[in-house]
N, C-alpha and C. Protein backbone atom coordinates (compact mmCIF):
# COMPACT_ATOMS: atom_id res chain seq x y z
N MET A 1 3.89 -30.56 -1.87
CA MET A 1 3.21 -30.38 -2.99
C MET A 1 1.91 -30.08 -2.90
N TYR A 2 1.01 -28.87 -3.25
CA TYR A 2 -0.40 -28.79 -2.97
C TYR A 2 -0.67 -27.36 -3.58
N ARG A 3 -1.90 -27.40 -4.37
CA ARG A 3 -2.14 -26.40 -5.12
C ARG A 3 -3.67 -26.25 -4.66
N VAL A 4 -4.51 -25.55 -4.64
CA VAL A 4 -5.96 -25.30 -4.78
C VAL A 4 -6.37 -25.52 -6.32
N SER A 5 -7.56 -26.47 -6.16
CA SER A 5 -7.96 -26.67 -7.36
C SER A 5 -8.36 -26.25 -8.46
N GLY A 6 -8.40 -26.05 -9.70
CA GLY A 6 -8.86 -25.45 -10.52
C GLY A 6 -10.17 -26.02 -11.05
N SER A 7 -10.43 -25.93 -12.03
CA SER A 7 -11.91 -26.47 -12.55
C SER A 7 -11.68 -28.00 -12.38
N VAL A 8 -12.80 -28.61 -12.70
CA VAL A 8 -13.08 -29.90 -11.97
C VAL A 8 -13.46 -30.90 -13.34
N LEU A 9 -12.72 -31.77 -13.71
CA LEU A 9 -13.45 -32.47 -15.03
C LEU A 9 -14.44 -33.72 -14.56
N VAL A 10 -15.24 -34.01 -15.15
CA VAL A 10 -16.21 -35.33 -14.66
C VAL A 10 -15.70 -36.09 -15.62
N VAL A 11 -15.76 -37.47 -15.43
CA VAL A 11 -15.52 -38.62 -16.07
C VAL A 11 -16.48 -38.95 -16.55
N ALA A 12 -16.63 -39.36 -17.91
CA ALA A 12 -17.77 -40.17 -18.43
C ALA A 12 -17.11 -41.30 -19.09
N VAL A 13 -17.06 -42.43 -18.72
CA VAL A 13 -16.58 -43.43 -19.38
C VAL A 13 -17.59 -44.93 -19.56
N ALA A 14 -17.45 -45.79 -20.67
CA ALA A 14 -18.49 -46.78 -21.13
C ALA A 14 -18.19 -47.88 -19.71
N MET A 15 -19.47 -48.83 -19.53
CA MET A 15 -19.00 -49.67 -18.83
C MET A 15 -19.18 -50.79 -19.47
N MET A 16 -18.43 -51.67 -18.93
CA MET A 16 -18.63 -53.36 -19.88
C MET A 16 -18.87 -54.22 -19.15
N ALA A 17 -18.52 -54.52 -17.45
CA ALA A 17 -18.71 -55.58 -16.56
C ALA A 17 -20.67 -55.83 -16.56
N GLY A 18 -20.83 -56.73 -17.60
CA GLY A 18 -22.25 -57.06 -17.32
C GLY A 18 -23.26 -55.94 -17.95
N GLY A 19 -23.13 -55.13 -18.54
CA GLY A 19 -23.33 -54.35 -19.19
C GLY A 19 -24.14 -52.83 -18.45
N THR A 20 -24.08 -53.19 -17.01
CA THR A 20 -25.18 -52.14 -16.43
C THR A 20 -24.15 -51.56 -15.22
N PRO A 21 -24.22 -50.21 -15.18
CA PRO A 21 -23.42 -49.79 -14.09
C PRO A 21 -24.21 -49.59 -12.74
N TRP A 22 -23.04 -49.82 -11.51
CA TRP A 22 -24.02 -49.96 -10.52
C TRP A 22 -23.94 -48.39 -10.13
N ALA A 23 -25.13 -48.00 -9.25
CA ALA A 23 -25.24 -46.35 -9.02
C ALA A 23 -26.51 -46.49 -7.83
N GLY A 24 -25.96 -46.37 -6.71
CA GLY A 24 -26.50 -46.19 -5.54
C GLY A 24 -26.86 -44.77 -5.65
N ALA A 25 -28.10 -44.61 -4.72
CA ALA A 25 -28.85 -43.30 -4.26
C ALA A 25 -27.62 -42.08 -3.75
N GLY A 26 -27.44 -41.28 -4.45
CA GLY A 26 -26.69 -40.13 -3.87
C GLY A 26 -25.13 -40.49 -4.12
N ARG A 27 -24.85 -41.23 -4.58
CA ARG A 27 -23.61 -41.70 -5.26
C ARG A 27 -22.83 -42.13 -6.61
N LEU A 28 -21.82 -41.64 -6.98
CA LEU A 28 -21.56 -41.25 -8.08
C LEU A 28 -21.21 -42.94 -9.05
N ALA A 29 -21.84 -43.16 -10.14
CA ALA A 29 -21.88 -44.04 -10.79
C ALA A 29 -20.66 -44.68 -10.98
N MET A 30 -20.41 -46.32 -10.87
CA MET A 30 -18.76 -46.52 -11.02
C MET A 30 -18.22 -46.70 -12.57
N PRO A 31 -16.97 -46.17 -12.55
CA PRO A 31 -16.22 -45.70 -13.55
C PRO A 31 -15.58 -46.66 -14.35
N ILE A 32 -16.07 -47.32 -15.48
CA ILE A 32 -15.51 -48.46 -16.01
C ILE A 32 -15.29 -48.30 -17.30
N THR A 33 -14.05 -48.40 -17.72
CA THR A 33 -14.15 -48.14 -19.40
C THR A 33 -14.11 -49.65 -20.14
N SER A 34 -14.54 -49.31 -21.38
CA SER A 34 -15.03 -50.84 -21.94
C SER A 34 -13.46 -50.83 -22.95
N GLN A 35 -12.50 -49.74 -23.02
CA GLN A 35 -11.33 -49.70 -23.65
C GLN A 35 -10.00 -50.13 -22.41
N ALA A 36 -9.55 -51.05 -22.26
CA ALA A 36 -8.84 -51.46 -21.26
C ALA A 36 -7.49 -50.28 -21.96
N ALA A 37 -7.06 -50.16 -22.55
CA ALA A 37 -5.87 -49.71 -23.16
C ALA A 37 -5.73 -48.24 -22.90
N LEU A 38 -7.12 -47.62 -23.19
CA LEU A 38 -6.97 -46.44 -22.50
C LEU A 38 -7.14 -45.85 -21.16
N GLY A 39 -7.45 -47.11 -20.55
CA GLY A 39 -7.95 -47.26 -18.98
C GLY A 39 -6.67 -47.67 -17.99
N ARG A 40 -5.42 -47.71 -18.41
CA ARG A 40 -4.29 -48.44 -17.81
C ARG A 40 -3.11 -47.31 -18.35
N ILE A 41 -2.45 -46.92 -17.02
CA ILE A 41 -1.33 -46.19 -17.37
C ILE A 41 -0.17 -47.03 -17.84
N GLU A 42 0.54 -46.65 -18.51
CA GLU A 42 2.12 -47.54 -18.92
C GLU A 42 3.13 -47.02 -18.35
N LEU A 43 3.53 -48.15 -17.54
CA LEU A 43 4.72 -47.85 -16.77
C LEU A 43 5.72 -47.74 -17.51
N GLY A 44 7.04 -46.92 -17.40
CA GLY A 44 8.33 -47.12 -17.93
C GLY A 44 9.69 -47.61 -17.39
N ARG A 45 10.39 -47.17 -17.38
CA ARG A 45 11.83 -47.74 -17.04
C ARG A 45 11.61 -47.52 -15.69
N PRO A 46 12.22 -48.16 -14.65
CA PRO A 46 12.50 -48.16 -13.15
C PRO A 46 13.45 -46.78 -12.46
N THR A 47 13.05 -46.13 -11.59
CA THR A 47 13.61 -45.12 -11.24
C THR A 47 13.86 -44.87 -9.70
N LEU A 48 14.44 -44.30 -9.22
CA LEU A 48 14.20 -43.99 -7.84
C LEU A 48 13.04 -43.42 -7.18
N PRO A 49 12.66 -43.58 -5.89
CA PRO A 49 11.47 -42.86 -5.44
C PRO A 49 12.13 -41.68 -5.18
N PRO A 50 10.64 -40.65 -4.86
CA PRO A 50 11.08 -39.21 -4.25
C PRO A 50 12.03 -39.42 -3.03
N LEU A 51 12.55 -38.69 -2.62
CA LEU A 51 13.62 -38.57 -1.29
C LEU A 51 12.38 -38.54 -0.16
N THR A 52 11.37 -37.56 -0.20
CA THR A 52 10.90 -37.55 0.55
C THR A 52 9.67 -38.97 0.94
N TYR A 53 9.72 -39.83 -0.18
CA TYR A 53 9.10 -41.02 -0.04
C TYR A 53 10.02 -41.90 0.67
N THR A 54 11.52 -42.07 0.73
CA THR A 54 12.39 -42.67 1.53
C THR A 54 12.35 -42.24 2.92
N MET A 55 11.93 -40.71 3.14
CA MET A 55 12.06 -40.56 4.61
C MET A 55 11.03 -41.05 5.39
N PHE A 56 9.62 -41.18 4.36
CA PHE A 56 8.04 -41.21 5.08
C PHE A 56 8.62 -43.06 5.14
N CYS A 57 9.09 -43.82 4.77
CA CYS A 57 9.36 -45.06 4.89
C CYS A 57 9.91 -45.02 6.19
N LEU A 58 11.27 -44.17 6.30
CA LEU A 58 11.74 -44.46 7.66
C LEU A 58 10.83 -44.38 9.03
N ARG A 59 9.89 -43.41 8.80
CA ARG A 59 8.74 -42.93 9.99
C ARG A 59 7.91 -44.02 9.89
N TYR A 60 7.43 -44.40 8.78
CA TYR A 60 6.11 -45.59 8.77
C TYR A 60 6.50 -46.81 8.17
N GLU A 61 7.67 -47.49 8.57
CA GLU A 61 8.12 -48.89 8.03
C GLU A 61 6.89 -49.89 7.58
N ALA A 62 6.05 -50.01 8.47
CA ALA A 62 4.76 -50.80 8.11
C ALA A 62 3.96 -50.37 6.87
N GLU A 63 4.31 -49.24 6.48
CA GLU A 63 3.13 -48.70 5.26
C GLU A 63 4.07 -49.14 4.39
N CYS A 64 5.62 -49.43 4.19
CA CYS A 64 6.53 -49.60 3.02
C CYS A 64 7.24 -50.81 2.86
N ARG A 65 6.64 -51.67 4.01
CA ARG A 65 7.34 -53.13 3.94
C ARG A 65 6.67 -53.82 2.91
N SER A 66 7.76 -55.12 2.57
CA SER A 66 7.61 -55.49 1.34
C SER A 66 5.96 -56.80 1.73
N ARG A 67 5.33 -56.89 0.92
CA ARG A 67 4.05 -57.54 1.24
C ARG A 67 3.85 -58.77 0.30
N ARG A 68 3.33 -59.86 0.73
CA ARG A 68 2.91 -61.24 -0.28
C ARG A 68 1.79 -60.58 -1.04
N GLY A 69 1.44 -61.57 -2.18
CA GLY A 69 0.53 -60.97 -2.97
C GLY A 69 0.62 -60.24 -4.20
N PHE A 70 1.83 -59.85 -4.54
CA PHE A 70 2.15 -59.14 -5.50
C PHE A 70 1.47 -59.33 -6.92
N ARG A 71 1.03 -60.90 -6.99
CA ARG A 71 0.79 -61.41 -8.23
C ARG A 71 -0.60 -60.96 -8.30
N GLY A 72 -0.87 -61.06 -9.64
CA GLY A 72 -2.43 -61.02 -9.98
C GLY A 72 -2.78 -59.63 -10.55
N GLY A 73 -2.14 -59.06 -10.44
CA GLY A 73 -2.13 -57.64 -11.69
C GLY A 73 -3.43 -56.55 -10.45
N PRO A 74 -4.20 -55.79 -11.77
CA PRO A 74 -5.16 -54.93 -11.09
C PRO A 74 -6.24 -55.68 -10.51
N VAL A 75 -6.77 -55.12 -9.47
CA VAL A 75 -7.92 -55.68 -8.56
C VAL A 75 -9.34 -55.60 -9.61
N ARG A 76 -10.24 -56.40 -9.37
CA ARG A 76 -11.58 -56.16 -9.87
C ARG A 76 -12.68 -55.53 -9.13
N LEU A 77 -13.28 -54.52 -9.83
CA LEU A 77 -13.53 -53.34 -9.18
C LEU A 77 -15.08 -53.91 -8.83
N THR A 78 -15.46 -54.48 -7.74
CA THR A 78 -16.76 -54.77 -7.50
C THR A 78 -17.70 -53.58 -6.91
N GLU A 79 -18.95 -53.80 -6.54
CA GLU A 79 -19.32 -52.93 -6.35
C GLU A 79 -18.75 -52.36 -4.55
N GLU A 80 -18.58 -53.36 -3.74
CA GLU A 80 -18.01 -53.03 -2.38
C GLU A 80 -17.02 -52.35 -2.72
N ARG A 81 -15.65 -52.26 -3.45
CA ARG A 81 -14.43 -51.65 -3.90
C ARG A 81 -14.85 -50.43 -3.88
N TRP A 82 -15.49 -50.40 -5.12
CA TRP A 82 -16.02 -48.84 -5.27
C TRP A 82 -16.77 -48.19 -4.37
N ALA A 83 -17.63 -48.51 -3.50
CA ALA A 83 -18.11 -48.00 -2.11
C ALA A 83 -16.92 -47.82 -0.91
N ASP A 84 -15.81 -48.46 -1.06
CA ASP A 84 -14.52 -48.17 -0.45
C ASP A 84 -14.09 -47.09 -1.00
N LEU A 85 -13.74 -46.91 -2.44
CA LEU A 85 -13.12 -45.91 -2.65
C LEU A 85 -13.79 -44.45 -2.42
N LEU A 86 -15.05 -44.56 -2.74
CA LEU A 86 -15.81 -43.33 -2.60
C LEU A 86 -15.86 -42.58 -1.23
N GLU A 87 -16.01 -43.82 -0.28
CA GLU A 87 -15.69 -43.25 1.44
C GLU A 87 -14.59 -42.86 1.66
N VAL A 88 -13.29 -44.09 1.40
CA VAL A 88 -11.97 -43.11 1.92
C VAL A 88 -11.86 -42.16 1.24
N ASN A 89 -12.08 -41.91 -0.39
CA ASN A 89 -11.71 -40.76 -1.00
C ASN A 89 -12.13 -39.40 -0.05
N ARG A 90 -13.47 -39.53 0.03
CA ARG A 90 -14.16 -38.42 0.72
C ARG A 90 -14.08 -38.18 2.18
N ALA A 91 -13.74 -39.00 2.98
CA ALA A 91 -13.48 -39.24 4.20
C ALA A 91 -11.95 -38.33 4.79
N VAL A 92 -11.20 -38.90 3.99
CA VAL A 92 -10.11 -38.17 4.13
C VAL A 92 -9.92 -36.79 3.56
N ASN A 93 -10.66 -36.67 2.53
CA ASN A 93 -10.37 -35.11 1.87
C ASN A 93 -11.30 -33.97 2.84
N LEU A 94 -12.11 -34.61 3.98
CA LEU A 94 -12.65 -33.83 4.63
C LEU A 94 -12.13 -33.64 5.79
N ALA A 95 -11.20 -34.49 6.12
CA ALA A 95 -10.73 -34.69 7.51
C ALA A 95 -9.51 -34.00 7.24
N ILE A 96 -8.63 -33.66 6.59
CA ILE A 96 -7.19 -33.05 6.79
C ILE A 96 -7.36 -31.69 6.33
N VAL A 97 -7.36 -30.88 6.80
CA VAL A 97 -7.45 -29.31 6.64
C VAL A 97 -6.05 -28.87 5.52
N PRO A 98 -6.57 -28.37 4.54
CA PRO A 98 -5.52 -28.23 3.39
C PRO A 98 -4.21 -27.13 3.79
N VAL A 99 -3.51 -27.37 3.75
CA VAL A 99 -2.05 -26.41 4.18
C VAL A 99 -1.19 -26.40 3.10
N PRO A 100 -0.92 -25.26 2.75
CA PRO A 100 0.42 -25.25 1.48
C PRO A 100 1.80 -25.53 2.24
N ASN A 101 2.91 -26.32 1.44
CA ASN A 101 3.88 -26.29 1.98
C ASN A 101 4.88 -25.05 1.19
N ASP A 102 5.25 -24.13 1.75
CA ASP A 102 5.80 -23.05 1.57
C ASP A 102 7.23 -23.12 1.81
N LEU A 103 7.65 -24.04 2.30
CA LEU A 103 9.32 -24.36 2.46
C LEU A 103 10.11 -25.18 1.82
N GLY A 104 9.31 -25.74 0.95
CA GLY A 104 9.93 -26.60 -0.29
C GLY A 104 10.19 -28.08 0.49
N LEU A 105 11.47 -28.50 0.03
CA LEU A 105 11.93 -30.13 0.77
C LEU A 105 12.10 -30.13 2.05
N ALA A 106 12.50 -28.80 2.37
CA ALA A 106 12.66 -28.86 3.82
C ALA A 106 11.30 -28.85 4.79
N GLY A 107 10.16 -28.48 4.10
CA GLY A 107 8.86 -28.71 5.05
C GLY A 107 8.27 -29.71 4.38
N GLU A 108 8.67 -30.85 4.13
CA GLU A 108 8.43 -32.14 3.40
C GLU A 108 8.31 -32.91 4.42
N ALA A 109 7.15 -33.61 5.15
CA ALA A 109 7.12 -34.62 6.11
C ALA A 109 5.31 -35.10 5.76
N TRP A 110 5.62 -36.58 4.89
CA TRP A 110 4.48 -37.01 4.68
C TRP A 110 4.03 -37.85 6.00
N SER A 111 2.66 -37.12 6.51
CA SER A 111 1.96 -38.17 7.69
C SER A 111 0.65 -38.79 7.26
N VAL A 112 0.71 -39.63 7.82
CA VAL A 112 -0.66 -40.51 7.87
C VAL A 112 -1.63 -39.81 8.92
N ASN A 113 -2.82 -39.49 8.38
CA ASN A 113 -4.06 -39.08 8.70
C ASN A 113 -3.25 -37.73 9.86
N PRO A 114 -3.06 -36.69 9.57
CA PRO A 114 -2.85 -35.64 10.06
C PRO A 114 -3.97 -34.88 10.26
N ASP A 115 -4.13 -33.63 10.98
CA ASP A 115 -5.05 -32.84 11.06
C ASP A 115 -5.21 -31.75 9.76
N ARG A 116 -3.81 -31.41 9.61
CA ARG A 116 -3.59 -30.53 8.66
C ARG A 116 -2.51 -30.86 7.80
N GLY A 117 -2.48 -30.90 6.34
CA GLY A 117 -1.28 -31.04 5.41
C GLY A 117 -1.72 -30.71 4.00
N ASP A 118 -0.52 -31.21 3.18
CA ASP A 118 -0.93 -31.15 1.72
C ASP A 118 -1.15 -32.26 1.30
N CYS A 119 -0.68 -32.36 -0.34
CA CYS A 119 -1.38 -33.16 -1.13
C CYS A 119 -0.69 -34.62 -0.76
N ASN A 120 0.76 -34.66 -0.32
CA ASN A 120 1.21 -35.86 0.48
C ASN A 120 0.40 -36.62 1.20
N ASP A 121 0.28 -35.42 1.98
CA ASP A 121 -0.59 -36.10 3.65
C ASP A 121 -1.96 -36.91 3.06
N TYR A 122 -2.85 -36.38 2.28
CA TYR A 122 -3.87 -36.91 1.46
C TYR A 122 -3.67 -38.33 0.86
N ALA A 123 -2.59 -38.54 0.33
CA ALA A 123 -2.29 -39.55 -0.89
C ALA A 123 -2.16 -40.82 0.38
N VAL A 124 -1.07 -40.67 0.95
CA VAL A 124 -0.69 -41.70 1.95
C VAL A 124 -1.66 -42.05 2.85
N SER A 125 -2.50 -41.07 3.27
CA SER A 125 -3.36 -41.40 3.94
C SER A 125 -4.56 -42.22 3.55
N LYS A 126 -4.99 -41.85 2.38
CA LYS A 126 -5.98 -42.84 1.69
C LYS A 126 -5.46 -44.28 1.24
N ARG A 127 -3.90 -44.00 1.14
CA ARG A 127 -3.72 -45.84 0.79
C ARG A 127 -3.26 -46.51 1.84
N HIS A 128 -3.02 -45.80 3.12
CA HIS A 128 -3.35 -46.39 4.71
C HIS A 128 -4.84 -46.80 4.86
N GLU A 129 -5.61 -46.11 4.55
CA GLU A 129 -6.99 -46.63 4.82
C GLU A 129 -7.50 -47.66 4.02
N LEU A 130 -7.17 -47.62 2.61
CA LEU A 130 -7.54 -49.00 1.77
C LEU A 130 -6.69 -49.97 2.53
N LEU A 131 -5.56 -49.89 2.59
CA LEU A 131 -4.79 -51.20 2.91
C LEU A 131 -5.58 -51.85 4.62
N ARG A 132 -5.75 -51.00 5.29
CA ARG A 132 -6.84 -51.36 6.36
C ARG A 132 -8.07 -52.19 6.20
N ARG A 133 -8.57 -51.99 5.03
CA ARG A 133 -9.52 -52.35 4.63
C ARG A 133 -9.57 -53.73 3.73
N GLY A 134 -8.31 -54.11 3.65
CA GLY A 134 -7.98 -55.32 3.06
C GLY A 134 -7.41 -55.09 1.63
N TRP A 135 -7.44 -53.99 0.92
CA TRP A 135 -6.80 -53.83 -0.48
C TRP A 135 -5.34 -54.39 -0.58
N PRO A 136 -5.16 -55.03 -1.99
CA PRO A 136 -3.87 -55.83 -1.70
C PRO A 136 -3.04 -54.03 -2.20
N ALA A 137 -1.49 -54.16 -1.89
CA ALA A 137 -0.37 -52.90 -2.09
C ALA A 137 -0.49 -52.71 -3.09
N ARG A 138 -0.47 -53.83 -4.28
CA ARG A 138 -0.27 -53.93 -5.60
C ARG A 138 -0.98 -53.19 -6.40
N ALA A 139 -2.09 -52.59 -5.73
CA ALA A 139 -2.98 -51.73 -6.58
C ALA A 139 -3.06 -50.83 -6.08
N LEU A 140 -2.43 -50.22 -5.25
CA LEU A 140 -2.55 -48.61 -4.62
C LEU A 140 -0.89 -47.97 -4.70
N LEU A 141 -0.88 -47.53 -5.54
CA LEU A 141 0.28 -46.59 -5.98
C LEU A 141 0.50 -45.29 -6.16
N LEU A 142 1.29 -44.63 -5.02
CA LEU A 142 1.80 -43.24 -4.90
C LEU A 142 2.23 -43.04 -6.29
N SER A 143 1.71 -41.78 -6.50
CA SER A 143 2.18 -41.23 -7.89
C SER A 143 2.65 -39.92 -8.17
N GLU A 144 3.41 -39.32 -8.80
CA GLU A 144 3.90 -38.26 -8.79
C GLU A 144 3.44 -37.23 -10.09
N VAL A 145 2.91 -36.29 -10.12
CA VAL A 145 2.29 -35.55 -11.31
C VAL A 145 3.06 -33.91 -10.99
N ILE A 146 2.21 -33.49 -12.29
CA ILE A 146 2.90 -31.93 -12.47
C ILE A 146 1.43 -31.34 -12.79
N VAL A 147 1.09 -30.30 -11.93
CA VAL A 147 -0.40 -29.47 -12.54
C VAL A 147 -0.12 -28.63 -13.17
N SER A 148 -0.74 -27.59 -13.68
CA SER A 148 -0.81 -26.75 -14.75
C SER A 148 -0.01 -25.74 -14.20
N SER A 149 0.21 -25.13 -13.18
CA SER A 149 1.03 -24.32 -12.58
C SER A 149 2.84 -24.89 -12.62
N GLY A 150 3.10 -25.78 -12.99
CA GLY A 150 4.15 -26.38 -12.98
C GLY A 150 4.74 -27.03 -11.54
N GLU A 151 4.02 -26.68 -10.83
CA GLU A 151 4.29 -27.65 -9.37
C GLU A 151 3.93 -29.12 -9.28
N HIS A 152 4.70 -29.56 -8.53
CA HIS A 152 4.81 -31.35 -8.00
C HIS A 152 3.84 -31.51 -7.19
N HIS A 153 2.91 -32.56 -7.60
CA HIS A 153 1.82 -33.14 -6.87
C HIS A 153 1.48 -34.33 -6.63
N LEU A 154 1.23 -35.08 -5.69
CA LEU A 154 1.15 -36.27 -5.24
C LEU A 154 -0.25 -36.61 -5.30
N VAL A 155 -0.64 -37.80 -5.60
CA VAL A 155 -2.20 -38.43 -5.64
C VAL A 155 -2.28 -39.86 -5.81
N LEU A 156 -2.84 -40.62 -5.26
CA LEU A 156 -3.06 -42.29 -5.27
C LEU A 156 -3.73 -42.85 -6.53
N LEU A 157 -2.91 -43.81 -6.97
CA LEU A 157 -3.58 -44.40 -8.57
C LEU A 157 -3.78 -45.80 -7.94
N VAL A 158 -4.99 -46.19 -8.25
CA VAL A 158 -5.96 -47.36 -8.01
C VAL A 158 -5.80 -48.17 -9.03
N ARG A 159 -5.29 -49.11 -9.03
CA ARG A 159 -5.12 -50.08 -10.37
C ARG A 159 -6.35 -51.20 -10.50
N THR A 160 -7.17 -50.91 -11.32
CA THR A 160 -8.58 -51.88 -11.15
C THR A 160 -8.31 -52.33 -12.60
N ARG A 161 -8.95 -53.44 -12.68
CA ARG A 161 -9.06 -54.00 -13.97
C ARG A 161 -10.04 -53.21 -15.19
N SER A 162 -10.87 -52.41 -14.28
CA SER A 162 -11.85 -51.52 -15.19
C SER A 162 -10.84 -50.08 -15.48
N GLY A 163 -9.69 -50.18 -15.29
CA GLY A 163 -9.24 -48.89 -15.35
C GLY A 163 -8.16 -48.31 -14.21
N ASP A 164 -7.15 -47.72 -14.58
CA ASP A 164 -6.44 -47.06 -13.13
C ASP A 164 -7.08 -45.43 -12.92
N LEU A 165 -7.80 -45.46 -11.67
CA LEU A 165 -8.26 -44.68 -10.93
C LEU A 165 -7.22 -43.43 -9.98
N VAL A 166 -8.12 -42.33 -10.35
CA VAL A 166 -7.13 -41.34 -9.22
C VAL A 166 -7.94 -40.66 -8.21
N LEU A 167 -7.32 -41.03 -6.87
CA LEU A 167 -7.96 -40.24 -5.77
C LEU A 167 -6.97 -39.12 -5.44
N ASP A 168 -7.78 -37.87 -5.36
CA ASP A 168 -7.08 -36.55 -5.43
C ASP A 168 -7.63 -35.87 -4.59
N ASN A 169 -6.80 -35.08 -3.94
CA ASN A 169 -7.56 -34.14 -2.91
C ASN A 169 -8.10 -32.59 -3.43
N LEU A 170 -7.65 -32.43 -4.95
CA LEU A 170 -8.09 -31.52 -5.15
C LEU A 170 -9.38 -31.42 -6.23
N ALA A 171 -9.85 -32.35 -6.02
CA ALA A 171 -11.03 -32.72 -6.92
C ALA A 171 -11.94 -34.05 -6.48
N PRO A 172 -13.21 -33.68 -5.99
CA PRO A 172 -13.65 -34.74 -5.14
C PRO A 172 -14.13 -35.71 -5.89
N GLU A 173 -14.54 -35.95 -7.34
CA GLU A 173 -14.62 -37.31 -8.02
C GLU A 173 -13.40 -37.60 -8.21
N ILE A 174 -13.85 -39.32 -8.26
CA ILE A 174 -12.76 -40.02 -8.79
C ILE A 174 -12.66 -40.53 -10.14
N LYS A 175 -11.60 -40.28 -10.71
CA LYS A 175 -11.48 -40.01 -12.18
C LYS A 175 -10.41 -41.05 -12.91
N LEU A 176 -10.72 -41.62 -14.16
CA LEU A 176 -9.62 -42.41 -14.86
C LEU A 176 -8.58 -41.22 -15.12
N TRP A 177 -7.29 -42.30 -14.84
CA TRP A 177 -6.04 -41.40 -15.33
C TRP A 177 -5.86 -40.56 -15.99
N SER A 178 -6.48 -40.67 -17.19
CA SER A 178 -6.14 -40.36 -18.24
C SER A 178 -7.15 -39.05 -18.69
N ARG A 179 -7.85 -38.93 -17.29
CA ARG A 179 -8.79 -37.70 -17.64
C ARG A 179 -8.77 -36.77 -16.65
N VAL A 180 -7.41 -36.86 -15.65
CA VAL A 180 -7.06 -35.65 -14.81
C VAL A 180 -6.06 -34.59 -15.66
N PRO A 181 -6.15 -33.75 -15.65
CA PRO A 181 -5.38 -32.81 -16.14
C PRO A 181 -3.66 -32.59 -15.64
N TYR A 182 -3.16 -33.43 -15.65
CA TYR A 182 -2.11 -33.33 -14.96
C TYR A 182 -0.70 -34.04 -16.01
N ARG A 183 0.49 -33.96 -16.00
CA ARG A 183 1.36 -34.58 -16.54
C ARG A 183 2.26 -35.27 -15.31
N TRP A 184 2.28 -36.79 -16.17
CA TRP A 184 2.57 -37.67 -15.19
C TRP A 184 4.18 -37.98 -14.92
N LEU A 185 4.80 -37.86 -13.90
CA LEU A 185 6.28 -38.02 -14.01
C LEU A 185 6.63 -39.57 -13.39
N ARG A 186 6.10 -40.30 -12.38
CA ARG A 186 6.48 -41.44 -11.55
C ARG A 186 5.69 -42.06 -10.89
N VAL A 187 5.59 -43.30 -10.66
CA VAL A 187 4.54 -43.97 -9.96
C VAL A 187 5.23 -45.16 -9.11
N GLN A 188 4.86 -45.89 -8.23
CA GLN A 188 5.23 -46.95 -7.43
C GLN A 188 5.10 -47.97 -8.44
N MET A 189 5.99 -49.25 -8.34
CA MET A 189 6.02 -50.16 -9.00
C MET A 189 5.13 -51.48 -8.28
N PRO A 190 3.93 -51.76 -8.71
CA PRO A 190 3.57 -52.88 -8.27
C PRO A 190 3.98 -53.91 -7.66
N SER A 191 5.30 -54.16 -8.25
CA SER A 191 5.90 -55.49 -7.82
C SER A 191 6.86 -55.25 -6.83
N SER A 192 7.31 -53.47 -6.45
CA SER A 192 8.14 -53.12 -5.55
C SER A 192 8.08 -51.81 -5.35
N HIS A 193 7.79 -51.29 -3.98
CA HIS A 193 7.45 -50.02 -3.37
C HIS A 193 8.88 -49.27 -3.18
N GLN A 194 9.74 -50.18 -3.46
CA GLN A 194 11.06 -49.57 -3.19
C GLN A 194 11.77 -48.91 -4.54
N LEU A 195 10.87 -49.30 -5.59
CA LEU A 195 11.48 -48.81 -7.17
C LEU A 195 10.11 -48.19 -7.21
N TRP A 196 10.14 -46.98 -8.20
CA TRP A 196 8.97 -46.32 -8.66
C TRP A 196 9.49 -46.44 -10.50
N ALA A 197 8.76 -46.44 -11.42
CA ALA A 197 8.52 -46.47 -12.67
C ALA A 197 8.09 -45.02 -13.51
N THR A 198 9.37 -44.72 -14.20
CA THR A 198 8.75 -43.04 -14.71
C THR A 198 7.50 -43.62 -15.79
N ILE A 199 7.00 -42.24 -15.92
CA ILE A 199 5.59 -42.10 -16.79
C ILE A 199 6.13 -41.44 -17.89
N ASP A 200 5.59 -41.75 -19.41
CA ASP A 200 5.41 -40.65 -19.95
C ASP A 200 3.97 -40.50 -20.48
N GLY A 201 3.67 -39.83 -19.84
CA GLY A 201 2.33 -39.19 -20.64
C GLY A 201 1.54 -38.12 -19.74
N LYS A 202 0.23 -37.97 -20.28
CA LYS A 202 -0.51 -36.43 -20.07
C LYS A 202 -1.92 -37.13 -19.76
N GLY A 203 -2.75 -36.55 -18.88
CA GLY A 203 -3.88 -36.61 -19.08
C GLY A 203 -4.72 -35.78 -19.57
N ALA A 204 -6.08 -35.04 -19.59
CA ALA A 204 -7.33 -34.45 -20.31
C ALA A 204 -6.33 -32.97 -20.37
């Protein structure tokens, strides 16, 4: 699942935590929405994960094992965590050379930190790196969307108290889920990554 990016939308959302956004020199201001209902994606009914995710778990058991600490919901988006997101998103986007998968399901092989790959490899690599930095698995959800061309695409959804953010290889910015131009299909469930949940929603 890979497509060359089209136009990139810039997220401009209001901030509420303390009333003043953090904005380091040369870094994007931390996006926080004052309307939590708009910033959170609504999970639907449980559904099976993509077959390619099941195959990924057979190869990378440690990435898919059950972890303690699912309680607590979305994480607080501190300045340090925002820096983590910026660094990991940028590093993985630069480290992997984008190569489209022209073989369909037969060519799907999600890999962590490969030299070359498609959207699946970017998404699982970002999740892997954030887990290594101590992020809870409940906040790092692989998500399947459909881009404007109709092709399926994988992104990483990060659930924070300030809103659900999207780390995407098709755009350098970290955006609120409702500000990406995709149709959402399904996302990992925070309470059990062996099940995913349907999504009935569209972005910008």
